[in-house]
Amino acid sequence: MSVSSVSERNSKDFKSSSVNTCYQVDQQAKLINLQAEVDLLLLQLQKYKLQKESCTYE
């Protein structure tokens, strides 16, 4: 997942969640922050996986 696809997904998620939501604003902000943290962790895992794969091919 590229950074641009993460950003696109976040904007889509935010638009859909802001339309049909029962959450308070502070809860929405916490949820968005958690989604961003998860996306960042996924990107880091992908980076480590690529590094590991490149080391095994050498």
C-alpha atoms as a PDB file:
ATOM      1  CA  MET A   1       0.000   0.000   0.000  1.00  0.00           C
ATOM      2  CA  SER A   2       1.538   3.269  -1.072  1.00  0.00           C
ATOM      3  CA  VAL A   3       1.368   6.509   0.867  1.00  0.00           C
ATOM      4  CA  SER A   4      -0.998   7.987  -1.722  1.00  0.00           C
ATOM      5  CA  SER A   5      -3.367   5.026  -1.468  1.00  0.00           C
ATOM      6  CA  VAL A   6      -3.332   5.366   2.316  1.00  0.00           C
ATOM      7  CA  SER A   7      -4.230   9.041   2.011  1.00  0.00           C
ATOM      8  CA  GLU A   8      -6.960   8.292  -0.515  1.00  0.00           C
ATOM      9  CA  ARG A   9      -8.381   5.567   1.707  1.00  0.00           C
ATOM     10  CA  ASN A  10      -8.316   7.850   4.754  1.00  0.00           C
ATOM     11  CA  SER A  11     -10.139  10.625   2.933  1.00  0.00           C
ATOM     12  CA  LYS A  12     -12.767   8.160   1.692  1.00  0.00           C
ATOM     13  CA  ASP A  13     -13.126   6.651   5.168  1.00  0.00           C
ATOM     14  CA  PHE A  14     -13.466  10.098   6.700  1.00  0.00           C
ATOM     15  CA  LYS A  15     -16.113  11.178   4.194  1.00  0.00           C
ATOM     16  CA  SER A  16     -18.172   8.043   4.678  1.00  0.00           C
ATOM     17  CA  SER A  17     -17.807   8.049   8.454  1.00  0.00           C
ATOM     18  CA  SER A  18     -18.651  11.730   8.795  1.00  0.00           C
ATOM     19  CA  VAL A  19     -21.926  11.273   6.910  1.00  0.00           C
ATOM     20  CA  ASN A  20     -23.363   8.341   8.880  1.00  0.00           C
ATOM     21  CA  THR A  21     -21.965   8.605  12.364  1.00  0.00           C
ATOM     22  CA  CYS A  22     -23.182   8.650  15.922  1.00  0.00           C
ATOM     23  CA  TYR A  23     -19.776   9.540  17.359  1.00  0.00           C
ATOM     24  CA  GLN A  24     -19.007  12.777  19.084  1.00  0.00           C
ATOM     25  CA  VAL A  25     -16.404  15.020  17.474  1.00  0.00           C
ATOM     26  CA  ASP A  26     -13.665  14.106  19.948  1.00  0.00           C
ATOM     27  CA  GLN A  27     -14.322  10.404  19.376  1.00  0.00           C
ATOM     28  CA  GLN A  28     -14.151  10.943  15.610  1.00  0.00           C
ATOM     29  CA  ALA A  29     -10.795  12.683  16.012  1.00  0.00           C
ATOM     30  CA  LYS A  30      -9.462   9.803  18.130  1.00  0.00           C
ATOM     31  CA  LEU A  31     -10.690   7.287  15.560  1.00  0.00           C
ATOM     32  CA  ILE A  32      -9.032   9.168  12.699  1.00  0.00           C
ATOM     33  CA  ASN A  33      -5.777   9.345  14.672  1.00  0.00           C
ATOM     34  CA  LEU A  34      -5.919   5.615  15.379  1.00  0.00           C
ATOM     35  CA  GLN A  35      -6.572   4.895  11.689  1.00  0.00           C
ATOM     36  CA  ALA A  36      -3.531   6.994  10.781  1.00  0.00           C
ATOM     37  CA  GLU A  37      -1.385   5.142  13.330  1.00  0.00           C
ATOM     38  CA  VAL A  38      -2.511   1.768  11.980  1.00  0.00           C
ATOM     39  CA  ASP A  39      -1.746   2.882   8.417  1.00  0.00           C
ATOM     40  CA  LEU A  40       1.701   4.055   9.497  1.00  0.00           C
ATOM     41  CA  LEU A  41       2.401   0.751  11.222  1.00  0.00           C
ATOM     42  CA  LEU A  42       1.310  -1.148   8.113  1.00  0.00           C
ATOM     43  CA  LEU A  43       3.663   0.927   5.980  1.00  0.00           C
ATOM     44  CA  GLN A  44       6.514   0.248   8.421  1.00  0.00           C
ATOM     45  CA  LEU A  45       5.789  -3.486   8.296  1.00  0.00           C
ATOM     46  CA  GLN A  46       5.833  -3.405   4.509  1.00  0.00           C
ATOM     47  CA  LYS A  47       9.158  -1.556   4.588  1.00  0.00           C
ATOM     48  CA  TYR A  48      10.676  -4.124   6.950  1.00  0.00           C
ATOM     49  CA  LYS A  49       9.340  -6.951   4.824  1.00  0.00           C
ATOM     50  CA  LEU A  50      10.954  -5.452   1.710  1.00  0.00           C
ATOM     51  CA  GLN A  51      14.233  -4.975   3.575  1.00  0.00           C
ATOM     52  CA  LYS A  52      14.136  -8.582   4.767  1.00  0.00           C
ATOM     53  CA  GLU A  53      13.399  -9.834   1.256  1.00  0.00           C
ATOM     54  CA  SER A  54      16.261  -7.796  -0.209  1.00  0.00           C
ATOM     55  CA  CYS A  55      18.660  -9.212   2.399  1.00  0.00           C
ATOM     56  CA  THR A  56      17.670 -12.792   1.631  1.00  0.00           C
ATOM     57  CA  TYR A  57      18.313 -12.324  -2.099  1.00  0.00           C
ATOM     58  CA  GLU A  58      21.868 -11.086  -1.617  1.00  0.00           C
END
